[in-house]
Amino acid sequence: MGGASSHDIQDGILEPDDPLFKKKCRRMDARGAMYRVNHRSWWKEELPSAEEYQTARANLDSVGWAVDYIISHCCPTSVQDELSGGFYKADALTDFLEEVAQRCQFKYQFFGHYHTNRVIREKYVLLYEQIIRLKE
């Protein structure tokens, strides 16, 4: 399941059609601000829709909530908290993935949103600069 909340937008989202866009970018860059640009580096659809969560639950229902692997961009809230020491905030997606982690039987969950390589609690595998082969 794709998607994740942007963690580097606390200074705002700029609109590219704003007449002062370039000036605002230069000002933000000069002070090292953390911002994104709408439809270039940020999209309001960065998190799944209600229908996508419903489809995921229906698919998991169809297999009795038992799969070999979970592949997502983000991770469950509890794993995110452990990984970031509480820096990243929970959202609808991390909470959904927490529900999946609690209800689903699985061997591993692979995710990469946090830009490092690390194994957490033996079954949550954060991949960033690695490629691995999954066995069937």
N, C-alpha and C. Protein backbone atom coordinates (compact mmCIF):
# COMPACT_ATOMS: atom_id res chain seq x y z
N MET A 1 0.86 -1.17 0.00
CA MET A 1 0.00 0.00 0.00
C MET A 1 0.90 1.22 0.00
N GLY A 2 0.66 2.11 -0.94
CA GLY A 2 1.50 3.29 -1.07
C GLY A 2 1.04 4.44 -0.20
N GLY A 3 1.78 5.50 -0.28
CA GLY A 3 1.43 6.72 0.42
C GLY A 3 2.12 6.89 1.75
N ALA A 4 2.20 8.15 2.18
CA ALA A 4 2.75 8.52 3.48
C ALA A 4 2.58 10.02 3.64
N SER A 5 2.47 10.44 4.88
CA SER A 5 2.42 11.88 5.15
C SER A 5 3.80 12.47 4.98
N SER A 6 3.87 13.63 4.38
CA SER A 6 5.14 14.34 4.25
C SER A 6 5.53 14.89 5.63
N HIS A 7 6.75 14.59 6.04
CA HIS A 7 7.22 15.05 7.34
C HIS A 7 8.04 16.33 7.25
N ASP A 8 8.20 16.81 6.06
CA ASP A 8 9.07 17.98 5.86
C ASP A 8 8.31 19.15 5.25
N ILE A 9 7.12 19.43 5.78
CA ILE A 9 6.30 20.52 5.24
C ILE A 9 5.89 21.51 6.33
N GLN A 10 6.56 21.49 7.46
CA GLN A 10 6.12 22.35 8.56
C GLN A 10 6.19 23.84 8.24
N ASP A 11 6.96 24.22 7.24
CA ASP A 11 7.03 25.64 6.87
C ASP A 11 6.07 26.00 5.74
N GLY A 12 5.30 25.03 5.26
CA GLY A 12 4.25 25.34 4.32
C GLY A 12 4.34 24.65 2.98
N ILE A 13 3.28 24.87 2.22
CA ILE A 13 3.16 24.36 0.87
C ILE A 13 2.96 25.56 -0.04
N LEU A 14 3.89 25.72 -0.97
CA LEU A 14 3.81 26.86 -1.89
C LEU A 14 3.01 26.49 -3.14
N GLU A 15 2.34 27.48 -3.68
CA GLU A 15 1.57 27.31 -4.92
C GLU A 15 2.42 27.81 -6.09
N PRO A 16 2.67 26.97 -7.09
CA PRO A 16 3.54 27.36 -8.20
C PRO A 16 2.99 28.50 -9.06
N ASP A 17 1.68 28.73 -9.03
CA ASP A 17 1.11 29.82 -9.83
C ASP A 17 1.02 31.13 -9.06
N ASP A 18 1.52 31.15 -7.84
CA ASP A 18 1.57 32.38 -7.05
C ASP A 18 2.56 33.33 -7.73
N PRO A 19 2.17 34.60 -7.96
CA PRO A 19 3.10 35.56 -8.61
C PRO A 19 4.40 35.76 -7.83
N LEU A 20 4.37 35.50 -6.53
CA LEU A 20 5.57 35.65 -5.69
C LEU A 20 6.28 34.32 -5.43
N PHE A 21 5.94 33.30 -6.22
CA PHE A 21 6.47 31.96 -5.98
C PHE A 21 8.00 31.93 -5.92
N LYS A 22 8.67 32.47 -6.91
CA LYS A 22 10.14 32.41 -6.94
C LYS A 22 10.75 33.15 -5.76
N LYS A 23 10.19 34.30 -5.43
CA LYS A 23 10.69 35.07 -4.29
C LYS A 23 10.49 34.28 -2.99
N LYS A 24 9.34 33.66 -2.84
CA LYS A 24 9.07 32.87 -1.64
C LYS A 24 10.01 31.67 -1.55
N CYS A 25 10.26 31.02 -2.68
CA CYS A 25 11.20 29.89 -2.71
C CYS A 25 12.60 30.33 -2.26
N ARG A 26 13.07 31.43 -2.82
CA ARG A 26 14.41 31.92 -2.44
C ARG A 26 14.48 32.24 -0.96
N ARG A 27 13.43 32.87 -0.44
CA ARG A 27 13.39 33.21 0.99
C ARG A 27 13.38 31.94 1.85
N MET A 28 12.57 30.97 1.45
CA MET A 28 12.50 29.70 2.20
C MET A 28 13.83 28.96 2.14
N ASP A 29 14.42 28.90 0.95
CA ASP A 29 15.70 28.21 0.79
C ASP A 29 16.80 28.88 1.62
N ALA A 30 16.80 30.20 1.66
CA ALA A 30 17.83 30.94 2.38
C ALA A 30 17.80 30.64 3.88
N ARG A 31 16.63 30.39 4.40
CA ARG A 31 16.54 30.11 5.84
C ARG A 31 16.46 28.62 6.15
N GLY A 32 16.64 27.79 5.12
CA GLY A 32 16.64 26.34 5.33
C GLY A 32 15.27 25.79 5.70
N ALA A 33 14.23 26.42 5.22
CA ALA A 33 12.87 26.03 5.55
C ALA A 33 12.53 24.66 4.96
N MET A 34 11.60 23.99 5.62
CA MET A 34 11.10 22.70 5.15
C MET A 34 9.73 22.93 4.54
N TYR A 35 9.68 22.91 3.22
CA TYR A 35 8.43 23.20 2.52
C TYR A 35 8.33 22.31 1.29
N ARG A 36 7.17 22.29 0.70
CA ARG A 36 6.93 21.56 -0.53
C ARG A 36 6.20 22.48 -1.51
N VAL A 37 6.14 22.04 -2.76
CA VAL A 37 5.44 22.79 -3.81
C VAL A 37 4.28 21.93 -4.30
N ASN A 38 3.09 22.51 -4.25
CA ASN A 38 1.88 21.81 -4.65
C ASN A 38 1.99 21.30 -6.09
N HIS A 39 1.68 20.03 -6.27
CA HIS A 39 1.69 19.34 -7.57
C HIS A 39 3.08 19.18 -8.18
N ARG A 40 4.11 19.48 -7.43
CA ARG A 40 5.49 19.23 -7.87
C ARG A 40 6.21 18.30 -6.89
N SER A 41 6.14 18.64 -5.62
CA SER A 41 6.78 17.81 -4.59
C SER A 41 5.80 17.44 -3.48
N TRP A 42 4.54 17.79 -3.65
CA TRP A 42 3.50 17.45 -2.67
C TRP A 42 2.16 17.38 -3.39
N TRP A 43 1.36 16.38 -2.99
CA TRP A 43 0.00 16.21 -3.52
C TRP A 43 -0.93 15.93 -2.37
N LYS A 44 -2.12 16.51 -2.40
CA LYS A 44 -3.09 16.30 -1.31
C LYS A 44 -3.48 14.84 -1.21
N GLU A 45 -3.29 14.08 -2.28
CA GLU A 45 -3.63 12.66 -2.28
C GLU A 45 -2.48 11.79 -1.77
N GLU A 46 -1.61 12.33 -0.94
CA GLU A 46 -0.46 11.56 -0.47
C GLU A 46 -0.86 10.39 0.42
N LEU A 47 -2.05 10.43 0.98
CA LEU A 47 -2.56 9.31 1.78
C LEU A 47 -3.68 8.61 1.02
N PRO A 48 -3.86 7.30 1.27
CA PRO A 48 -4.94 6.57 0.59
C PRO A 48 -6.32 7.16 0.93
N SER A 49 -7.26 6.91 0.03
CA SER A 49 -8.63 7.34 0.24
C SER A 49 -9.38 6.32 1.11
N ALA A 50 -10.55 6.70 1.57
CA ALA A 50 -11.39 5.78 2.35
C ALA A 50 -11.68 4.51 1.55
N GLU A 51 -11.90 4.66 0.25
CA GLU A 51 -12.18 3.51 -0.60
C GLU A 51 -10.98 2.57 -0.68
N GLU A 52 -9.77 3.13 -0.69
CA GLU A 52 -8.57 2.29 -0.74
C GLU A 52 -8.39 1.50 0.56
N TYR A 53 -8.69 2.11 1.70
CA TYR A 53 -8.65 1.36 2.97
C TYR A 53 -9.69 0.24 2.95
N GLN A 54 -10.89 0.54 2.44
CA GLN A 54 -11.97 -0.44 2.36
C GLN A 54 -11.56 -1.62 1.47
N THR A 55 -10.95 -1.32 0.33
CA THR A 55 -10.49 -2.37 -0.58
C THR A 55 -9.41 -3.22 0.08
N ALA A 56 -8.48 -2.59 0.78
CA ALA A 56 -7.42 -3.34 1.47
C ALA A 56 -8.01 -4.28 2.51
N ARG A 57 -8.96 -3.79 3.30
CA ARG A 57 -9.61 -4.65 4.31
C ARG A 57 -10.36 -5.81 3.65
N ALA A 58 -11.06 -5.52 2.55
CA ALA A 58 -11.79 -6.58 1.83
C ALA A 58 -10.82 -7.63 1.29
N ASN A 59 -9.69 -7.19 0.74
CA ASN A 59 -8.69 -8.13 0.24
C ASN A 59 -8.12 -8.98 1.37
N LEU A 60 -7.86 -8.37 2.51
CA LEU A 60 -7.35 -9.13 3.66
C LEU A 60 -8.42 -10.08 4.20
N ASP A 61 -9.68 -9.64 4.21
CA ASP A 61 -10.78 -10.53 4.61
C ASP A 61 -10.80 -11.78 3.72
N SER A 62 -10.58 -11.59 2.43
CA SER A 62 -10.68 -12.70 1.47
C SER A 62 -9.61 -13.76 1.68
N VAL A 63 -8.52 -13.41 2.37
CA VAL A 63 -7.46 -14.39 2.64
C VAL A 63 -7.34 -14.67 4.14
N GLY A 64 -8.38 -14.32 4.89
CA GLY A 64 -8.38 -14.60 6.33
C GLY A 64 -7.33 -13.84 7.11
N TRP A 65 -6.96 -12.68 6.61
CA TRP A 65 -5.96 -11.84 7.28
C TRP A 65 -4.64 -12.60 7.52
N ALA A 66 -4.25 -13.39 6.53
CA ALA A 66 -2.98 -14.13 6.61
C ALA A 66 -2.27 -14.00 5.27
N VAL A 67 -1.08 -13.40 5.29
CA VAL A 67 -0.28 -13.20 4.08
C VAL A 67 1.18 -13.47 4.42
N ASP A 68 1.99 -13.68 3.41
CA ASP A 68 3.42 -13.85 3.65
C ASP A 68 4.09 -12.53 3.97
N TYR A 69 3.80 -11.52 3.12
CA TYR A 69 4.49 -10.23 3.23
C TYR A 69 3.49 -9.08 3.13
N ILE A 70 3.81 -8.01 3.81
CA ILE A 70 3.11 -6.75 3.65
C ILE A 70 4.12 -5.78 3.05
N ILE A 71 3.77 -5.17 1.94
CA ILE A 71 4.66 -4.21 1.30
C ILE A 71 3.93 -2.87 1.27
N SER A 72 4.53 -1.90 1.90
CA SER A 72 3.92 -0.57 1.99
C SER A 72 5.02 0.48 1.93
N HIS A 73 4.62 1.70 1.76
CA HIS A 73 5.60 2.78 1.77
C HIS A 73 5.86 3.21 3.22
N CYS A 74 4.82 3.26 4.02
CA CYS A 74 4.89 3.69 5.41
C CYS A 74 4.83 2.45 6.32
N CYS A 75 4.79 2.66 7.62
CA CYS A 75 4.75 1.54 8.57
C CYS A 75 3.70 1.80 9.64
N PRO A 76 3.41 0.81 10.48
CA PRO A 76 2.44 1.01 11.57
C PRO A 76 2.88 2.09 12.55
N THR A 77 1.91 2.70 13.20
CA THR A 77 2.19 3.79 14.14
C THR A 77 3.20 3.39 15.20
N SER A 78 3.05 2.21 15.80
CA SER A 78 3.97 1.81 16.88
C SER A 78 5.40 1.65 16.37
N VAL A 79 5.56 1.16 15.16
CA VAL A 79 6.90 1.01 14.57
C VAL A 79 7.47 2.39 14.25
N GLN A 80 6.63 3.26 13.71
CA GLN A 80 7.06 4.63 13.41
C GLN A 80 7.51 5.34 14.69
N ASP A 81 6.75 5.17 15.77
CA ASP A 81 7.12 5.79 17.04
C ASP A 81 8.47 5.28 17.54
N GLU A 82 8.67 3.97 17.43
CA GLU A 82 9.94 3.38 17.86
C GLU A 82 11.09 3.87 16.98
N LEU A 83 10.84 3.95 15.70
CA LEU A 83 11.86 4.38 14.74
C LEU A 83 12.25 5.84 14.95
N SER A 84 11.28 6.69 15.20
CA SER A 84 11.53 8.14 15.24
C SER A 84 11.57 8.72 16.65
N GLY A 85 11.36 7.91 17.65
CA GLY A 85 11.31 8.44 19.01
C GLY A 85 10.14 9.40 19.20
N GLY A 86 9.06 9.19 18.44
CA GLY A 86 7.89 10.04 18.55
C GLY A 86 7.93 11.30 17.70
N PHE A 87 8.99 11.48 16.91
CA PHE A 87 9.11 12.69 16.08
C PHE A 87 8.01 12.77 15.03
N TYR A 88 7.77 11.63 14.33
CA TYR A 88 6.73 11.61 13.30
C TYR A 88 5.38 11.38 13.95
N LYS A 89 4.36 12.03 13.45
CA LYS A 89 3.02 11.97 14.02
C LYS A 89 2.20 10.88 13.33
N ALA A 90 1.37 10.22 14.12
CA ALA A 90 0.45 9.22 13.58
C ALA A 90 -0.55 9.89 12.64
N ASP A 91 -1.04 9.13 11.68
CA ASP A 91 -2.07 9.62 10.78
C ASP A 91 -2.96 8.44 10.41
N ALA A 92 -3.92 8.66 9.52
CA ALA A 92 -4.86 7.60 9.14
C ALA A 92 -4.14 6.38 8.57
N LEU A 93 -3.08 6.60 7.80
CA LEU A 93 -2.37 5.47 7.20
C LEU A 93 -1.57 4.68 8.22
N THR A 94 -0.80 5.35 9.06
CA THR A 94 -0.02 4.60 10.06
C THR A 94 -0.96 3.88 11.03
N ASP A 95 -2.10 4.50 11.35
CA ASP A 95 -3.08 3.83 12.21
C ASP A 95 -3.71 2.63 11.50
N PHE A 96 -4.00 2.75 10.22
CA PHE A 96 -4.51 1.61 9.45
C PHE A 96 -3.47 0.48 9.44
N LEU A 97 -2.22 0.82 9.18
CA LEU A 97 -1.17 -0.20 9.16
C LEU A 97 -0.97 -0.81 10.55
N GLU A 98 -1.23 -0.05 11.60
CA GLU A 98 -1.21 -0.60 12.96
C GLU A 98 -2.32 -1.64 13.12
N GLU A 99 -3.51 -1.31 12.62
CA GLU A 99 -4.62 -2.28 12.65
C GLU A 99 -4.22 -3.56 11.92
N VAL A 100 -3.62 -3.41 10.75
CA VAL A 100 -3.18 -4.57 9.97
C VAL A 100 -2.15 -5.37 10.77
N ALA A 101 -1.19 -4.70 11.37
CA ALA A 101 -0.15 -5.39 12.14
C ALA A 101 -0.75 -6.18 13.30
N GLN A 102 -1.80 -5.63 13.91
CA GLN A 102 -2.43 -6.31 15.05
C GLN A 102 -3.31 -7.48 14.61
N ARG A 103 -3.97 -7.35 13.48
CA ARG A 103 -4.95 -8.36 13.05
C ARG A 103 -4.38 -9.42 12.12
N CYS A 104 -3.36 -9.09 11.38
CA CYS A 104 -2.88 -9.93 10.28
C CYS A 104 -1.74 -10.85 10.73
N GLN A 105 -1.74 -12.05 10.19
CA GLN A 105 -0.61 -12.96 10.36
C GLN A 105 0.29 -12.76 9.15
N PHE A 106 1.58 -12.43 9.37
CA PHE A 106 2.51 -12.20 8.27
C PHE A 106 3.93 -12.48 8.73
N LYS A 107 4.80 -12.75 7.76
CA LYS A 107 6.20 -13.02 8.07
C LYS A 107 6.98 -11.72 8.24
N TYR A 108 6.83 -10.82 7.26
CA TYR A 108 7.58 -9.56 7.27
C TYR A 108 6.73 -8.45 6.67
N GLN A 109 7.00 -7.24 7.13
CA GLN A 109 6.50 -6.05 6.45
C GLN A 109 7.70 -5.26 5.97
N PHE A 110 7.67 -4.89 4.71
CA PHE A 110 8.74 -4.11 4.09
C PHE A 110 8.21 -2.72 3.80
N PHE A 111 8.99 -1.70 4.11
CA PHE A 111 8.60 -0.31 3.89
C PHE A 111 9.85 0.53 3.71
N GLY A 112 9.72 1.79 3.20
CA GLY A 112 10.92 2.55 2.90
C GLY A 112 10.85 4.04 3.12
N HIS A 113 9.75 4.55 3.60
CA HIS A 113 9.51 5.99 3.70
C HIS A 113 10.57 6.76 4.50
N TYR A 114 11.27 6.11 5.39
CA TYR A 114 12.12 6.81 6.36
C TYR A 114 13.59 6.90 5.95
N HIS A 115 13.92 6.49 4.74
CA HIS A 115 15.22 6.73 4.11
C HIS A 115 16.42 6.22 4.90
N THR A 116 16.32 5.00 5.35
CA THR A 116 17.46 4.32 5.96
C THR A 116 17.22 2.82 5.80
N ASN A 117 18.16 2.01 6.20
CA ASN A 117 18.02 0.56 6.18
C ASN A 117 18.09 0.06 7.61
N ARG A 118 17.06 -0.68 8.03
CA ARG A 118 17.01 -1.11 9.42
C ARG A 118 15.95 -2.19 9.60
N VAL A 119 16.19 -3.11 10.51
CA VAL A 119 15.19 -4.10 10.90
C VAL A 119 14.71 -3.74 12.29
N ILE A 120 13.38 -3.73 12.47
CA ILE A 120 12.78 -3.37 13.75
C ILE A 120 11.92 -4.54 14.20
N ARG A 121 12.13 -4.98 15.42
CA ARG A 121 11.36 -6.08 16.00
C ARG A 121 11.34 -7.32 15.11
N GLU A 122 12.39 -7.57 14.41
CA GLU A 122 12.64 -8.76 13.60
C GLU A 122 11.74 -8.93 12.38
N LYS A 123 10.56 -8.33 12.33
CA LYS A 123 9.69 -8.56 11.19
C LYS A 123 9.32 -7.30 10.41
N TYR A 124 9.76 -6.15 10.86
CA TYR A 124 9.52 -4.89 10.15
C TYR A 124 10.83 -4.45 9.52
N VAL A 125 10.87 -4.46 8.20
CA VAL A 125 12.13 -4.25 7.49
C VAL A 125 12.05 -2.94 6.71
N LEU A 126 12.84 -1.99 7.15
CA LEU A 126 12.92 -0.68 6.50
C LEU A 126 14.02 -0.75 5.45
N LEU A 127 13.62 -0.61 4.19
CA LEU A 127 14.56 -0.68 3.08
C LEU A 127 14.61 0.67 2.39
N TYR A 128 15.81 1.14 2.16
CA TYR A 128 15.95 2.39 1.42
C TYR A 128 16.91 2.20 0.25
N GLU A 129 18.11 1.80 0.52
CA GLU A 129 19.11 1.64 -0.53
C GLU A 129 19.44 0.17 -0.76
N GLN A 130 18.51 -0.69 -0.48
CA GLN A 130 18.71 -2.12 -0.66
C GLN A 130 17.64 -2.68 -1.57
N ILE A 131 18.00 -3.71 -2.27
CA ILE A 131 17.05 -4.50 -3.05
C ILE A 131 17.17 -5.92 -2.55
N ILE A 132 16.05 -6.55 -2.25
CA ILE A 132 16.09 -7.92 -1.77
C ILE A 132 15.17 -8.79 -2.62
N ARG A 133 15.47 -10.06 -2.64
CA ARG A 133 14.63 -11.02 -3.35
C ARG A 133 13.75 -11.71 -2.33
N LEU A 134 12.45 -11.73 -2.58
CA LEU A 134 11.50 -12.41 -1.70
C LEU A 134 11.32 -13.83 -2.17
N LYS A 135 11.27 -14.77 -1.23
CA LYS A 135 11.03 -16.17 -1.57
C LYS A 135 9.53 -16.44 -1.50
N GLU A 136 9.08 -17.30 -2.40
CA GLU A 136 7.66 -17.67 -2.39
C GLU A 136 7.41 -18.75 -1.39
